[in-house]
Amino acid sequence: MSGGIAVGAVFPPVRPGLRWRWRCWVTGRSRPSEGSLHTEALARRAVEAAFANFLKNAGLVPTGSEAE
């Protein structure tokens, strides 16, 4: 979440042995950034990194961040 706006999601494996899937759709492209990783923590970090990359490319700084 960024404020009240959902910008990404992490999806659990549909059955044991499969990977966690993630998607970040605030990228300025028609297709979202997405992938799959072995753990929920890695998938969450991937969504956060994709969103941080979007903010950087857009020249934006999140409020409440250390950058202020």
C-alpha atoms as a PDB file:
ATOM      1  CA  MET A   1       0.000   0.000   0.000  1.00  0.00           C
ATOM      2  CA  SER A   2       1.065   3.550  -0.701  1.00  0.00           C
ATOM      3  CA  GLY A   3      -1.273   5.633   1.401  1.00  0.00           C
ATOM      4  CA  GLY A   4      -4.691   4.271   0.487  1.00  0.00           C
ATOM      5  CA  ILE A   5      -3.640   2.936  -2.922  1.00  0.00           C
ATOM      6  CA  ALA A   6      -2.673  -0.675  -3.562  1.00  0.00           C
ATOM      7  CA  VAL A   7       0.447  -0.802  -5.737  1.00  0.00           C
ATOM      8  CA  GLY A   8       1.421  -4.456  -5.460  1.00  0.00           C
ATOM      9  CA  ALA A   9       0.583  -7.849  -4.085  1.00  0.00           C
ATOM     10  CA  VAL A  10       2.181 -11.106  -2.965  1.00  0.00           C
ATOM     11  CA  PHE A  11       0.393 -14.383  -3.649  1.00  0.00           C
ATOM     12  CA  PRO A  12       1.055 -17.633  -1.740  1.00  0.00           C
ATOM     13  CA  PRO A  13       1.839 -20.862  -3.579  1.00  0.00           C
ATOM     14  CA  VAL A  14      -1.266 -22.711  -4.743  1.00  0.00           C
ATOM     15  CA  ARG A  15       0.271 -25.977  -3.563  1.00  0.00           C
ATOM     16  CA  PRO A  16       3.380 -27.068  -1.646  1.00  0.00           C
ATOM     17  CA  GLY A  17       6.653 -26.853  -3.541  1.00  0.00           C
ATOM     18  CA  LEU A  18       5.614 -23.929  -5.737  1.00  0.00           C
ATOM     19  CA  ARG A  19       6.970 -20.397  -5.413  1.00  0.00           C
ATOM     20  CA  TRP A  20       5.431 -17.219  -3.987  1.00  0.00           C
ATOM     21  CA  ARG A  21       4.316 -14.886  -6.811  1.00  0.00           C
ATOM     22  CA  TRP A  22       4.482 -11.104  -6.682  1.00  0.00           C
ATOM     23  CA  ARG A  23       3.251  -8.251  -8.849  1.00  0.00           C
ATOM     24  CA  CYS A  24       3.759  -4.468  -8.812  1.00  0.00           C
ATOM     25  CA  TRP A  25       1.505  -2.580 -11.209  1.00  0.00           C
ATOM     26  CA  VAL A  26       2.551   1.065 -10.651  1.00  0.00           C
ATOM     27  CA  THR A  27       5.382   1.049 -13.136  1.00  0.00           C
ATOM     28  CA  GLY A  28       4.312   3.436 -15.881  1.00  0.00           C
ATOM     29  CA  ARG A  29       4.107   0.528 -18.310  1.00  0.00           C
ATOM     30  CA  SER A  30       1.126  -1.328 -19.670  1.00  0.00           C
ATOM     31  CA  ARG A  31       2.450  -4.555 -18.164  1.00  0.00           C
ATOM     32  CA  PRO A  32       3.148  -4.927 -14.446  1.00  0.00           C
ATOM     33  CA  SER A  33       6.485  -5.994 -12.998  1.00  0.00           C
ATOM     34  CA  GLU A  34       6.103  -9.515 -11.696  1.00  0.00           C
ATOM     35  CA  GLY A  35       7.946 -12.672 -10.784  1.00  0.00           C
ATOM     36  CA  SER A  36       8.099 -15.646  -8.475  1.00  0.00           C
ATOM     37  CA  LEU A  37      10.454 -16.404  -5.604  1.00  0.00           C
ATOM     38  CA  HIS A  38      10.990 -19.126  -3.012  1.00  0.00           C
ATOM     39  CA  THR A  39       9.704 -17.258   0.075  1.00  0.00           C
ATOM     40  CA  GLU A  40       7.078 -14.700   1.017  1.00  0.00           C
ATOM     41  CA  ALA A  41       9.777 -12.395   2.420  1.00  0.00           C
ATOM     42  CA  LEU A  42      11.685 -12.388  -0.884  1.00  0.00           C
ATOM     43  CA  ALA A  43       8.466 -11.757  -2.826  1.00  0.00           C
ATOM     44  CA  ARG A  44       7.552  -8.834  -0.541  1.00  0.00           C
ATOM     45  CA  ARG A  45      11.035  -7.350  -1.005  1.00  0.00           C
ATOM     46  CA  ALA A  46      10.645  -7.673  -4.781  1.00  0.00           C
ATOM     47  CA  VAL A  47       7.359  -5.691  -4.702  1.00  0.00           C
ATOM     48  CA  GLU A  48       8.989  -3.049  -2.486  1.00  0.00           C
ATOM     49  CA  ALA A  49      12.006  -2.813  -4.805  1.00  0.00           C
ATOM     50  CA  ALA A  50       9.809  -2.501  -7.910  1.00  0.00           C
ATOM     51  CA  PHE A  51       7.790   0.285  -6.274  1.00  0.00           C
ATOM     52  CA  ALA A  52      10.955   2.054  -5.069  1.00  0.00           C
ATOM     53  CA  ASN A  53      12.289   1.878  -8.631  1.00  0.00           C
ATOM     54  CA  PHE A  54       9.054   3.432  -9.912  1.00  0.00           C
ATOM     55  CA  LEU A  55       9.348   6.267  -7.361  1.00  0.00           C
ATOM     56  CA  LYS A  56      12.983   6.872  -8.311  1.00  0.00           C
ATOM     57  CA  ASN A  57      12.213   6.939 -12.040  1.00  0.00           C
ATOM     58  CA  ALA A  58       9.284   9.300 -11.449  1.00  0.00           C
ATOM     59  CA  GLY A  59      11.407  11.616  -9.288  1.00  0.00           C
ATOM     60  CA  LEU A  60       9.157  11.071  -6.266  1.00  0.00           C
ATOM     61  CA  VAL A  61       9.984  10.576  -2.596  1.00  0.00           C
ATOM     62  CA  PRO A  62       7.602   8.707  -0.290  1.00  0.00           C
ATOM     63  CA  THR A  63       6.390  10.730   2.697  1.00  0.00           C
ATOM     64  CA  GLY A  64       7.561   9.470   6.048  1.00  0.00           C
ATOM     65  CA  SER A  65      10.725   8.113   4.463  1.00  0.00           C
ATOM     66  CA  GLU A  66      14.276   8.599   5.665  1.00  0.00           C
ATOM     67  CA  ALA A  67      14.895  10.732   2.573  1.00  0.00           C
ATOM     68  CA  GLU A  68      12.940  13.643   4.099  1.00  0.00           C
END
